[in-house]
């Protein structure tokens, strides 16, 4: 356990009648990472220890009713309090007071005023010591349990042959009972002469070489022959342990083992044949799996191609849907150019007087070229090409295609584009397609709202009158409020909203609420796929009778 883990799991009981000192200790120890329990007198401290044992007690000496010495003595008499570390806090630093603290059972002491840094080191040292003692105690218990669980007989023998200690088990129980009756305590008295001589020899070898020695002996005991394995190991400077194991069954076990070995060889040969067959079958299955994986990879490539074609089809569908607006975008500068050109033809001698007209011609032809080039780039089918881009530029390019159409349909465009957004990694064409899909959906929602209002009002408005009602499309870019590093785009309209029953289906392929021939149901589905490809998020921030707001969050470029 490291020091941080030790702190988080360790609790300290602070016992002091001074409330200010308790508060200061609590703040300091909690800051150091310990759990703190407070008690204002000795009696309260003993009750808290009875309820839940802390890992260490910080005990003040001078307290009313029951001082720290008395409290510590009573603590040591409690079953739970015998081993808990007690750090006594005293303003007395004379030898007599310190000795009294240790006599009452304190583990350590610290004098006032307290140096909290030194206190923290003392506490950490005491916790490590307590942990080491507890581990030692558990280790001793474990070792004792292991020794008791051994079926062997163990003797601890001094180098002069005196048997210091022993633990018996069959078949030595009978022999040891005889020894105890006769009070025999030496090797030569306890064992047969030849066994005692061998034991003395191997004891000397073990002590001289500081290594384990093993010898076997057949013991005749009450008409029975016992085959014993005797292991002699050094356990101290002048003593050894002899571990005696009854090996009588080994002889018969060796024969049984030989027969089992022959049987095992037959079974291994049979199993080898089965495994060979299974290996051939596994090889065939692996080959089939490899073919299936290749088919899966081919299907994945086909799916990617189909997806790419679907995206391209959606692009072309978008262009087709926006065709009337694009025609107007191109027709307007053409009419301007034609008008200025006709004026110039009527007055060819005054070319210099028509510099402004020529500038307008150059400006509008440039605008037409920009629109045509952008349409060409947008409609081109290409693989995903991620690069560092500015999201505001993509939005402006989208309005280059659809802006005039919105103006003709009397839809006000409000652009709140933050100028200090970080660049993002993305595909220009695909992201522009997402914004075109959201803008056209907003346009359709605004027109549907106009139709609904007209129907509910029963005013008999014509299509032209419907367009006279101003709609509003607002697009905002900013840093996300709840995820500050993300770039957030909000597309808000004043349309008819999304019915609650359709919210779970709007991103499904082919789902549409538009009339037949006016929508494929692929726009939002493709947009969702594009956004996920950019490791981004898209959702509906809000919707209702007053309109809908779509929200996109895109991570900035790394």
Protein backbone atom coordinates (compact mmCIF):
# COMPACT_ATOMS: atom_id res chain seq x y z
CA UNK A 1 0.00 0.00 0.00
CA UNK A 2 1.48 3.37 -0.97
CA UNK A 3 1.39 6.44 1.31
CA UNK A 4 -1.61 8.04 -0.43
CA UNK A 5 -3.67 4.84 -0.18
CA UNK A 6 -2.60 4.52 3.47
CA UNK A 7 -3.73 8.07 4.24
CA UNK A 8 -7.12 7.73 2.54
CA UNK A 9 -7.91 4.51 4.44
CA UNK A 10 -6.47 5.57 7.84
CA UNK A 11 -8.57 7.19 10.57
CA UNK A 12 -7.19 9.22 13.49
CA UNK A 13 -9.06 9.77 16.77
CA UNK A 14 -8.15 13.23 18.18
CA UNK A 15 -8.87 13.49 21.93
CA UNK A 16 -8.54 17.00 23.39
CA UNK A 17 -10.76 19.11 25.67
CA UNK A 18 -9.67 22.28 23.81
CA UNK A 19 -12.17 22.88 20.95
CA UNK A 20 -9.74 25.15 19.10
CA UNK A 21 -7.02 22.48 19.24
CA UNK A 22 -9.48 19.84 18.02
CA UNK A 23 -10.49 22.05 15.09
CA UNK A 24 -6.87 22.85 14.20
CA UNK A 25 -5.93 19.17 14.37
CA UNK A 26 -8.92 18.22 12.22
CA UNK A 27 -8.04 20.76 9.53
CA UNK A 28 -4.34 19.86 9.47
CA UNK A 29 -4.86 16.09 9.41
CA UNK A 30 -7.66 16.21 6.86
CA UNK A 31 -5.46 18.37 4.63
CA UNK A 32 -2.79 15.66 4.98
CA UNK A 33 -5.33 13.12 3.69
CA UNK A 34 -6.46 11.37 6.88
CA UNK A 35 -9.98 10.67 8.18
CA UNK A 36 -10.44 12.44 11.52
CA UNK A 37 -12.68 11.47 14.46
CA UNK A 38 -13.03 13.93 17.37
CA UNK A 39 -13.55 13.36 21.12
CA UNK A 40 -13.49 16.06 23.82
CA UNK A 41 -12.65 13.84 26.81
CA UNK A 42 -11.32 10.42 27.74
CA UNK A 43 -14.70 8.80 28.37
CA UNK A 44 -16.04 9.90 25.00
CA UNK A 45 -12.86 8.64 23.33
CA UNK A 46 -13.24 5.16 24.87
CA UNK A 47 -16.87 5.00 23.69
CA UNK A 48 -15.87 5.95 20.14
CA UNK A 49 -13.12 3.29 20.14
CA UNK A 50 -15.70 0.73 21.27
CA UNK A 51 -17.93 1.72 18.33
CA UNK A 52 -15.28 1.84 15.62
CA UNK A 53 -11.57 1.19 16.05
CA UNK A 54 -9.39 4.00 14.60
CA UNK A 55 -5.93 3.35 13.20
CA UNK A 56 -4.21 5.72 15.63
CA UNK A 57 -5.14 7.83 18.71
CA UNK A 58 -3.81 11.38 19.20
CA UNK A 59 -4.34 11.79 22.97
CA UNK A 60 -3.91 15.00 25.01
CA UNK A 61 -2.49 14.50 28.51
CA UNK A 62 -4.10 17.37 30.43
CA UNK A 63 -7.90 16.89 30.43
CA UNK A 64 -10.55 17.24 33.18
CA UNK A 65 -12.11 14.21 34.90
CA UNK A 66 -9.92 11.63 33.14
CA UNK A 67 -6.46 12.71 32.03
CA UNK A 68 -4.54 11.21 29.13
CA UNK A 69 -2.57 8.74 31.31
CA UNK A 70 -5.75 7.23 32.78
CA UNK A 71 -7.45 7.15 29.41
CA UNK A 72 -4.49 5.31 27.87
CA UNK A 73 -4.42 2.74 30.71
CA UNK A 74 -8.14 2.01 30.26
CA UNK A 75 -7.68 1.82 26.50
CA UNK A 76 -4.96 -0.82 26.87
CA UNK A 77 -7.32 -2.94 29.00
CA UNK A 78 -9.94 -2.98 26.24
CA UNK A 79 -9.80 -6.01 23.88
CA UNK A 80 -9.75 -3.66 20.89
CA UNK A 81 -7.18 -1.28 22.35
CA UNK A 82 -4.20 -3.49 23.10
CA UNK A 83 -2.26 -2.87 19.87
CA UNK A 84 -3.61 0.46 18.56
CA UNK A 85 -0.83 3.13 18.39
CA UNK A 86 -1.32 5.98 20.91
CA UNK A 87 0.53 9.25 20.28
CA UNK A 88 0.35 11.28 23.50
CA UNK A 89 0.36 15.10 23.25
CA UNK A 90 1.83 16.94 26.23
CA UNK A 91 3.23 20.35 27.11
CA UNK A 92 5.41 18.60 29.71
CA UNK A 93 8.78 17.52 28.37
CA UNK A 94 10.48 16.39 31.61
CA UNK A 95 11.76 12.83 31.89
CA UNK A 96 9.23 11.91 34.57
CA UNK A 97 6.24 12.94 32.42
CA UNK A 98 7.62 11.14 29.40
CA UNK A 99 8.25 7.98 31.46
CA UNK A 100 4.72 8.18 32.84
CA UNK A 101 3.36 8.39 29.29
CA UNK A 102 5.19 5.22 28.30
CA UNK A 103 4.20 3.46 31.55
CA UNK A 104 0.53 4.18 30.82
CA UNK A 105 0.84 2.44 27.45
CA UNK A 106 1.62 5.27 25.01
CA UNK A 107 3.40 4.29 21.82
CA UNK A 108 5.05 7.68 21.35
CA UNK A 109 4.69 11.30 22.49
CA UNK A 110 4.92 14.78 21.00
CA UNK A 111 5.21 18.08 22.86
CA UNK A 112 3.22 21.28 22.48
CA UNK A 113 3.26 23.58 20.63
CA UNK A 114 2.72 20.98 17.89
CA UNK A 115 4.79 21.11 14.72
CA UNK A 116 2.17 19.73 12.32
CA UNK A 117 4.73 18.66 9.72
CA UNK A 118 6.63 16.63 12.32
CA UNK A 119 3.31 15.27 13.60
CA UNK A 120 2.42 14.05 10.11
CA UNK A 121 5.76 12.22 9.85
CA UNK A 122 5.25 10.70 13.32
CA UNK A 123 1.78 9.51 12.38
CA UNK A 124 3.03 8.02 9.11
CA UNK A 125 5.84 6.25 10.99
CA UNK A 126 3.45 4.87 13.62
CA UNK A 127 1.02 3.67 10.96
CA UNK A 128 3.81 1.89 9.12
CA UNK A 129 5.02 0.35 12.38
CA UNK A 130 1.50 -0.76 13.31
CA UNK A 131 0.99 -2.20 9.88
CA UNK A 132 4.32 -4.03 10.06
CA UNK A 133 3.44 -5.44 13.51
CA UNK A 134 0.02 -6.55 12.28
CA UNK A 135 1.56 -8.19 9.23
CA UNK A 136 4.14 -9.89 11.48
CA UNK A 137 1.39 -11.13 13.78
CA UNK A 138 -0.60 -12.47 10.85
CA UNK A 139 2.54 -14.02 9.41
CA UNK A 140 3.29 -15.77 12.69
CA UNK A 141 -0.28 -17.03 12.93
CA UNK A 142 -0.12 -18.20 9.33
CA UNK A 143 3.21 -19.93 9.85
CA UNK A 144 1.93 -21.56 13.04
CA UNK A 145 -1.19 -22.71 11.21
CA UNK A 146 0.94 -24.06 8.37
CA UNK A 147 3.15 -25.97 10.80
CA UNK A 148 0.12 -27.33 12.65
CA UNK A 149 -1.46 -28.34 9.35
CA UNK A 150 1.60 -30.31 8.21
CA UNK A 151 1.18 -34.07 8.49
CA UNK A 152 4.89 -34.35 9.31
CA UNK A 153 6.63 -34.74 12.64
CA UNK A 154 9.02 -31.86 13.38
CA UNK A 155 11.90 -31.86 15.88
CA UNK A 156 13.96 -28.81 16.94
CA UNK A 157 17.33 -30.16 18.04
CA UNK A 158 20.39 -28.46 19.54
CA UNK A 159 23.75 -29.36 18.02
CA UNK A 160 24.64 -31.32 21.20
CA UNK A 161 21.72 -33.68 20.50
CA UNK A 162 19.23 -32.22 22.96
CA UNK A 163 15.65 -32.24 21.64
CA UNK A 164 14.36 -28.73 22.38
CA UNK A 165 10.85 -29.00 20.94
CA UNK A 166 8.77 -31.31 18.78
CA UNK A 167 5.41 -31.63 17.07
CA UNK A 168 4.20 -35.15 16.51
CA UNK A 169 1.95 -36.86 14.02
CA UNK A 170 1.33 -40.44 13.03
CA UNK A 171 3.25 -42.69 13.11
CA UNK A 172 5.25 -41.05 15.93
CA UNK A 173 2.42 -40.53 18.39
CA UNK A 174 2.99 -43.88 20.02
CA UNK A 175 6.77 -43.40 20.14
CA UNK A 176 6.50 -39.88 21.61
CA UNK A 177 4.07 -41.03 24.29
CA UNK A 178 6.67 -43.57 25.40
CA UNK A 179 9.39 -40.87 25.36
CA UNK A 180 7.31 -38.52 27.47
CA UNK A 181 6.74 -41.21 30.05
CA UNK A 182 10.46 -41.96 30.31
CA UNK A 183 11.49 -38.25 30.08
CA UNK A 184 13.98 -38.99 27.30
CA UNK A 185 15.11 -35.70 25.75
CA UNK A 186 18.23 -36.50 23.66
CA UNK A 187 18.57 -37.94 20.17
CA UNK A 188 20.43 -41.01 21.41
CA UNK A 189 17.74 -41.69 24.01
CA UNK A 190 14.71 -41.04 21.78
CA UNK A 191 15.74 -42.93 18.62
CA UNK A 192 17.35 -46.24 17.69
CA UNK A 193 21.15 -46.20 17.67
CA UNK A 194 21.67 -46.39 13.90
CA UNK A 195 19.05 -43.65 13.33
CA UNK A 196 20.70 -41.47 16.01
CA UNK A 197 24.11 -41.91 14.36
CA UNK A 198 22.81 -40.94 10.92
CA UNK A 199 20.97 -37.99 12.38
CA UNK A 200 24.09 -36.73 14.19
CA UNK A 201 26.08 -37.06 10.97
CA UNK A 202 23.60 -35.10 8.86
CA UNK A 203 23.12 -32.48 11.57
CA UNK A 204 26.86 -31.75 11.50
CA UNK A 205 26.89 -31.58 7.69
CA UNK A 206 23.89 -29.25 7.68
CA UNK A 207 25.41 -26.90 10.29
CA UNK A 208 28.84 -26.89 8.60
CA UNK A 209 27.50 -26.21 5.09
CA UNK A 210 24.39 -24.23 6.12
CA UNK A 211 22.37 -26.34 3.68
CA UNK A 212 19.55 -28.86 3.86
CA UNK A 213 20.44 -32.55 4.20
CA UNK A 214 18.06 -35.44 3.40
CA UNK A 215 18.35 -39.11 4.34
CA UNK A 216 16.01 -42.08 4.42
CA UNK A 217 15.52 -44.62 7.20
CA UNK A 218 13.41 -47.73 7.73
CA UNK A 219 12.03 -47.76 11.25
CA UNK A 220 10.65 -50.89 12.84
CA UNK A 221 7.95 -49.80 15.27
CA UNK A 222 5.65 -52.26 17.01
CA UNK A 223 5.85 -54.84 14.25
CA UNK A 224 5.49 -52.33 11.42
CA UNK A 225 8.05 -51.16 8.90
CA UNK A 226 7.96 -47.44 8.30
CA UNK A 227 9.93 -45.80 5.50
CA UNK A 228 10.86 -42.32 6.67
CA UNK A 229 12.22 -39.33 4.76
CA UNK A 230 14.18 -37.09 7.10
CA UNK A 231 15.06 -33.52 6.12
CA UNK A 232 17.54 -31.60 8.27
CA UNK A 233 17.70 -27.79 7.87
CA UNK A 234 19.52 -25.11 9.87
CA UNK A 235 17.10 -23.06 12.02
CA UNK A 236 19.64 -21.13 14.12
CA UNK A 237 23.29 -20.78 14.96
CA UNK A 238 23.45 -23.99 17.02
CA UNK A 239 20.26 -25.83 16.15
CA UNK A 240 18.44 -27.58 13.32
CA UNK A 241 14.94 -28.64 12.41
CA UNK A 242 14.35 -32.24 11.41
CA UNK A 243 11.19 -32.75 9.39
CA UNK A 244 10.21 -36.43 9.38
CA UNK A 245 7.75 -37.58 6.76
CA UNK A 246 6.20 -41.04 6.63
CA UNK A 247 7.24 -42.30 3.21
CA UNK A 248 5.82 -45.78 3.58
CA UNK A 249 3.26 -45.27 0.90
CA UNK A 250 5.87 -44.03 -1.57
CA UNK A 251 7.03 -47.51 -2.50
CA UNK A 252 3.56 -48.67 -3.37
CA UNK A 253 2.89 -45.28 -4.94
CA UNK A 254 5.95 -45.66 -7.17
CA UNK A 255 4.59 -48.93 -8.50
CA UNK A 256 1.19 -47.41 -8.97
CA UNK A 257 2.88 -44.50 -10.69
CA UNK A 258 4.71 -46.81 -13.09
CA UNK A 259 1.44 -48.45 -14.08
CA UNK A 260 -0.24 -45.09 -14.35
CA UNK A 261 2.64 -43.89 -16.54
CA UNK A 262 2.07 -46.73 -18.99
CA UNK A 263 -1.65 -46.03 -18.99
CA UNK A 264 -0.95 -42.33 -19.47
CA UNK A 265 1.24 -43.04 -22.49
CA UNK A 266 -1.60 -44.97 -24.09
CA UNK A 267 -4.05 -42.19 -23.30
CA UNK A 268 -1.65 -39.52 -24.58
CA UNK A 269 -1.24 -41.39 -27.87
CA UNK A 270 -5.00 -41.59 -28.22
CA UNK A 271 -5.46 -37.96 -27.28
CA UNK A 272 -2.72 -36.92 -29.70
CA UNK A 273 -4.62 -38.59 -32.49
CA UNK A 274 -7.81 -36.78 -31.45
CA UNK A 275 -5.98 -33.46 -31.27
CA UNK A 276 -4.50 -34.01 -34.71
CA UNK A 277 -7.99 -34.45 -36.10
CA UNK A 278 -9.22 -31.42 -34.17
CA UNK A 279 -6.26 -29.41 -35.47
CA UNK A 280 -7.13 -30.25 -39.05
CA UNK A 281 -10.73 -29.26 -38.38
CA UNK A 282 -9.57 -26.00 -36.76
CA UNK A 283 -7.34 -25.29 -39.76
CA UNK A 284 -10.33 -25.71 -42.05
CA UNK A 285 -12.42 -23.41 -39.83
CA UNK A 286 -9.65 -20.78 -39.85
CA UNK A 287 -9.52 -20.95 -43.64
CA UNK A 288 -13.29 -20.52 -43.80
CA UNK A 289 -13.11 -17.62 -41.36
CA UNK A 290 -10.40 -15.94 -43.43
CA UNK A 291 -12.61 -16.22 -46.49
CA UNK A 292 -15.54 -14.83 -44.50
CA UNK A 293 -13.37 -11.93 -43.30
CA UNK A 294 -12.33 -11.19 -46.87
CA UNK A 295 -16.01 -11.25 -47.91
CA UNK A 296 -16.77 -8.92 -45.00
CA UNK A 297 -14.00 -6.52 -46.04
CA UNK A 298 -15.33 -6.54 -49.60
CA UNK A 299 -18.86 -5.88 -48.31
CA UNK A 300 -17.48 -3.02 -46.21
CA UNK A 301 -15.74 -1.52 -49.24
CA UNK A 302 -18.97 -1.86 -51.23
CA UNK A 303 -20.85 -0.21 -48.37
CA UNK A 304 -18.37 2.69 -48.28
CA UNK A 305 -18.72 3.10 -52.05
CA UNK A 306 -22.51 3.02 -51.75
CA UNK A 307 -22.35 5.54 -48.94
CA UNK A 308 -20.10 7.80 -51.04
CA UNK A 309 -22.51 7.50 -53.97
CA UNK A 310 -25.42 8.24 -51.65
CA UNK A 311 -23.70 11.37 -50.36
CA UNK A 312 -22.96 12.44 -53.92
CA UNK A 313 -26.59 11.78 -54.90
CA UNK A 314 -27.71 13.89 -51.98
CA UNK A 315 -25.40 16.68 -53.17
CA UNK A 316 -26.85 16.56 -56.66
CA UNK A 317 -30.36 16.40 -55.21
CA UNK A 318 -29.59 19.47 -53.13
CA UNK A 319 -28.29 21.29 -56.21
CA UNK A 320 -31.40 20.29 -58.14
CA UNK A 321 -33.64 21.48 -55.33
CA UNK A 322 -31.75 24.78 -55.19
CA UNK A 323 -31.67 25.19 -58.97
CA UNK A 324 -34.24 27.98 -59.11
CA UNK A 325 -32.37 30.01 -56.54
CA UNK A 326 -29.08 29.43 -58.33
CA UNK A 327 -30.65 30.51 -61.64
CA UNK A 328 -31.73 33.74 -59.97
CA UNK A 329 -28.28 34.15 -58.44
CA UNK A 330 -26.76 33.95 -61.93
CA UNK A 331 -29.58 35.80 -63.73
CA UNK A 332 -29.33 38.91 -61.56
CA UNK A 333 -25.67 39.70 -62.40
CA UNK A 334 -26.36 38.78 -66.05
CA UNK A 335 -29.15 41.36 -66.20
CA UNK A 336 -26.82 43.95 -64.66
CA UNK A 337 -24.09 43.11 -67.18
CA UNK A 338 -26.56 43.23 -70.10
CA UNK A 339 -27.95 46.60 -69.03
CA UNK A 340 -24.53 48.19 -68.71
CA UNK A 341 -23.37 46.61 -71.99
CA UNK A 342 -26.43 48.00 -73.89
CA UNK A 343 -25.76 51.47 -72.53
CA UNK A 344 -22.15 51.25 -73.67
CA UNK A 345 -23.24 50.14 -77.18
CA UNK A 346 -25.56 53.14 -77.47
CA UNK A 347 -22.71 55.53 -76.60
CA UNK A 348 -19.45 53.90 -77.84
CA UNK A 349 -17.68 57.25 -78.07
CA UNK A 350 -18.04 57.88 -74.30
CA UNK A 351 -16.31 54.75 -72.95
CA UNK A 352 -14.21 56.78 -70.52
CA UNK A 353 -17.38 58.18 -68.98
CA UNK A 354 -18.61 54.68 -68.15
CA UNK A 355 -15.83 53.43 -65.89
CA UNK A 356 -18.37 52.72 -63.15
CA UNK A 357 -20.40 50.58 -65.54
CA UNK A 358 -17.33 48.61 -66.52
CA UNK A 359 -16.47 48.09 -62.86
CA UNK A 360 -19.98 46.75 -62.26
CA UNK A 361 -19.57 44.38 -65.21
CA UNK A 362 -16.26 43.13 -63.81
CA UNK A 363 -17.75 42.76 -60.30
CA UNK A 364 -20.81 40.80 -61.42
CA UNK A 365 -18.88 38.52 -63.77
CA UNK A 366 -16.57 37.81 -60.85
CA UNK A 367 -19.56 36.98 -58.69
CA UNK A 368 -20.88 34.60 -61.36
CA UNK A 369 -17.48 32.93 -61.65
CA UNK A 370 -17.33 32.48 -57.88
CA UNK A 371 -20.80 30.89 -57.79
CA UNK A 372 -20.05 28.58 -60.71
CA UNK A 373 -16.65 27.52 -59.32
CA UNK A 374 -18.17 26.87 -55.91
CA UNK A 375 -20.95 24.76 -57.46
CA UNK A 376 -18.39 22.81 -59.46
CA UNK A 377 -16.33 22.10 -56.32
CA UNK A 378 -19.38 21.25 -54.25
CA UNK A 379 -20.84 18.83 -56.81
CA UNK A 380 -17.54 17.02 -57.41
CA UNK A 381 -17.44 13.48 -55.95
CA UNK A 382 -14.36 12.98 -53.76
CA UNK A 383 -13.08 10.97 -50.83
CA UNK A 384 -13.03 12.50 -47.39
CA UNK A 385 -10.29 15.12 -47.32
CA UNK A 386 -9.77 16.42 -43.80
CA UNK A 387 -7.86 19.65 -43.36
CA UNK A 388 -7.68 22.59 -41.00
CA UNK A 389 -10.60 24.90 -41.85
CA UNK A 390 -12.63 27.80 -40.46
CA UNK A 391 -16.27 26.94 -39.83
CA UNK A 392 -17.46 30.50 -40.58
CA UNK A 393 -16.04 30.27 -44.14
CA UNK A 394 -18.02 27.07 -44.79
CA UNK A 395 -21.23 28.72 -43.59
CA UNK A 396 -20.64 31.76 -45.83
CA UNK A 397 -20.05 29.43 -48.82
CA UNK A 398 -23.36 27.65 -48.11
CA UNK A 399 -25.23 30.98 -48.16
CA UNK A 400 -23.47 31.81 -51.45
CA UNK A 401 -25.57 29.02 -53.01
CA UNK A 402 -28.85 29.39 -51.10
CA UNK A 403 -28.85 32.98 -49.83
CA UNK A 404 -30.69 34.50 -52.79
CA UNK A 405 -33.36 31.80 -52.63
CA UNK A 406 -34.03 32.64 -48.98
CA UNK A 407 -34.24 36.34 -49.83
CA UNK A 408 -36.78 35.64 -52.61
CA UNK A 409 -38.90 33.68 -50.12
CA UNK A 410 -38.83 36.61 -47.70
CA UNK A 411 -36.73 34.78 -45.08
CA UNK A 412 -34.53 37.06 -43.03
CA UNK A 413 -30.98 35.76 -42.49
CA UNK A 414 -29.24 36.61 -39.22
CA UNK A 415 -25.60 35.55 -38.94
CA UNK A 416 -23.92 35.73 -35.53
CA UNK A 417 -20.51 34.36 -36.47
CA UNK A 418 -17.88 34.61 -33.76
CA UNK A 419 -14.64 35.92 -35.31
CA UNK A 420 -12.24 34.27 -32.82
CA UNK A 421 -13.14 30.61 -33.23
CA UNK A 422 -10.29 28.08 -33.45
CA UNK A 423 -9.89 26.09 -36.69
CA UNK A 424 -11.32 22.58 -36.94
CA UNK A 425 -10.27 19.46 -38.83
CA UNK A 426 -12.87 18.60 -41.42
CA UNK A 427 -13.98 18.01 -44.99
CA UNK A 428 -15.15 21.30 -46.54
CA UNK A 429 -17.64 19.79 -49.01
CA UNK A 430 -19.25 17.42 -46.52
CA UNK A 431 -19.68 20.05 -43.81
CA UNK A 432 -21.13 22.49 -46.36
CA UNK A 433 -23.62 19.80 -47.34
CA UNK A 434 -24.65 19.48 -43.66
CA UNK A 435 -25.33 23.22 -43.43
CA UNK A 436 -27.20 23.23 -46.76
CA UNK A 437 -29.40 20.38 -45.47
CA UNK A 438 -30.13 22.23 -42.21
CA UNK A 439 -30.81 25.55 -44.02
CA UNK A 440 -33.17 23.97 -46.61
CA UNK A 441 -34.99 22.11 -43.81
CA UNK A 442 -35.33 25.41 -41.96
CA UNK A 443 -36.67 27.06 -45.15
CA UNK A 444 -39.24 24.29 -45.61
CA UNK A 445 -40.26 24.48 -41.94
CA UNK A 446 -40.82 28.25 -42.20
CA UNK A 447 -42.99 27.82 -45.31
CA UNK A 448 -44.93 25.01 -43.63
CA UNK A 449 -45.54 27.32 -40.67
CA UNK A 450 -46.89 29.96 -43.06
CA UNK A 451 -49.28 27.41 -44.61
CA UNK A 452 -50.45 26.25 -41.16
CA UNK A 453 -51.06 29.82 -40.00
CA UNK A 454 -52.95 30.54 -43.20
CA UNK A 455 -55.14 27.45 -42.82
CA UNK A 456 -55.91 28.12 -39.16
CA UNK A 457 -56.71 31.76 -39.89
CA UNK A 458 -58.86 30.80 -42.93
CA UNK A 459 -57.77 34.01 -44.59
CA UNK A 460 -57.59 32.68 -48.13
CA UNK A 461 -54.04 33.98 -48.71
CA UNK A 462 -52.37 33.10 -51.99
CA UNK A 463 -48.85 31.67 -52.28
CA UNK A 464 -47.54 35.15 -52.99
CA UNK A 465 -49.23 36.51 -49.91
CA UNK A 466 -47.79 33.66 -47.85
CA UNK A 467 -44.27 34.64 -48.90
CA UNK A 468 -44.96 38.19 -47.76
CA UNK A 469 -44.89 36.97 -44.17
CA UNK A 470 -41.31 37.33 -43.05
CA UNK A 471 -39.59 34.22 -41.69
CA UNK A 472 -36.31 34.24 -39.86
CA UNK A 473 -33.27 31.99 -40.03
CA UNK A 474 -30.57 32.64 -37.45
CA UNK A 475 -27.19 30.90 -37.48
CA UNK A 476 -24.74 31.34 -34.62
CA UNK A 477 -21.16 30.14 -34.10
CA UNK A 478 -19.45 30.27 -30.72
CA UNK A 479 -17.53 28.28 -28.17
CA UNK A 480 -19.76 25.80 -26.37
CA UNK A 481 -20.99 27.14 -23.01
CA UNK A 482 -20.88 23.78 -21.21
CA UNK A 483 -17.96 22.31 -23.18
CA UNK A 484 -15.66 25.30 -23.58
CA UNK A 485 -13.21 23.72 -26.02
CA UNK A 486 -15.89 22.68 -28.53
CA UNK A 487 -16.94 24.83 -31.47
CA UNK A 488 -20.75 25.12 -31.38
CA UNK A 489 -23.05 26.00 -34.30
CA UNK A 490 -26.74 26.79 -33.74
CA UNK A 491 -29.17 26.83 -36.69
CA UNK A 492 -32.46 28.37 -35.50
CA UNK A 493 -35.62 28.91 -37.53
CA UNK A 494 -39.11 30.28 -36.91
CA UNK A 495 -40.75 27.29 -38.55
CA UNK A 496 -43.41 24.85 -37.45
CA UNK A 497 -41.24 22.80 -35.08
CA UNK A 498 -40.83 19.01 -34.85
CA UNK A 499 -43.69 16.95 -33.37
CA UNK A 500 -42.69 15.04 -30.23
CA UNK A 501 -43.57 11.69 -31.81
CA UNK A 502 -41.02 12.30 -34.60
CA UNK A 503 -38.06 13.31 -32.44
CA UNK A 504 -36.63 9.79 -32.22
CA UNK A 505 -36.87 9.28 -35.98
CA UNK A 506 -35.55 12.49 -37.56
CA UNK A 507 -32.05 11.05 -38.13
CA UNK A 508 -33.37 7.73 -39.53
CA UNK A 509 -32.71 7.09 -43.23
CA UNK A 510 -35.69 7.78 -45.53
CA UNK A 511 -37.80 9.31 -42.76
CA UNK A 512 -39.54 12.46 -44.00
CA UNK A 513 -42.72 14.43 -43.24
CA UNK A 514 -42.63 16.25 -46.56
CA UNK A 515 -44.98 15.59 -49.45
CA UNK A 516 -44.08 12.96 -52.03
CA UNK A 517 -41.51 14.34 -54.45
CA UNK A 518 -40.35 17.11 -52.07
CA UNK A 519 -37.90 15.14 -49.94
CA UNK A 520 -35.97 11.86 -49.86
CA UNK A 521 -35.64 11.56 -46.10
CA UNK A 522 -31.87 11.30 -46.46
CA UNK A 523 -30.78 14.85 -45.60
CA UNK A 524 -30.57 14.58 -41.82
CA UNK A 525 -29.46 10.94 -41.96
CA UNK A 526 -26.51 11.83 -44.19
CA UNK A 527 -25.78 14.91 -42.08
CA UNK A 528 -25.73 12.75 -38.96
CA UNK A 529 -23.24 10.36 -40.59
CA UNK A 530 -21.01 13.23 -41.72
CA UNK A 531 -21.04 14.79 -38.24
CA UNK A 532 -20.12 11.46 -36.61
CA UNK A 533 -17.32 11.05 -39.17
CA UNK A 534 -15.94 14.35 -37.82
CA UNK A 535 -16.09 13.01 -34.21
CA UNK A 536 -18.73 15.66 -33.58
CA UNK A 537 -22.30 15.77 -32.23
CA UNK A 538 -25.61 16.93 -33.66
CA UNK A 539 -28.92 17.17 -31.83
CA UNK A 540 -32.06 19.26 -31.46
CA UNK A 541 -31.41 21.88 -28.79
CA UNK A 542 -35.04 23.01 -28.70
CA UNK A 543 -38.21 22.75 -30.76
CA UNK A 544 -41.78 23.91 -30.50
CA UNK A 545 -44.47 25.99 -32.21
CA UNK A 546 -42.06 28.96 -32.35
CA UNK A 547 -39.40 27.04 -34.30
CA UNK A 548 -36.50 24.64 -34.02
CA UNK A 549 -32.84 24.98 -33.13
CA UNK A 550 -30.34 22.38 -34.33
CA UNK A 551 -27.03 22.27 -32.47
CA UNK A 552 -23.68 20.96 -33.73
CA UNK A 553 -20.57 20.59 -31.57
CA UNK A 554 -17.23 20.02 -33.30
CA UNK A 555 -13.87 19.59 -31.54
CA UNK A 556 -11.17 22.11 -32.50
CA UNK A 557 -8.10 21.07 -34.49
CA UNK A 558 -5.33 19.65 -32.33
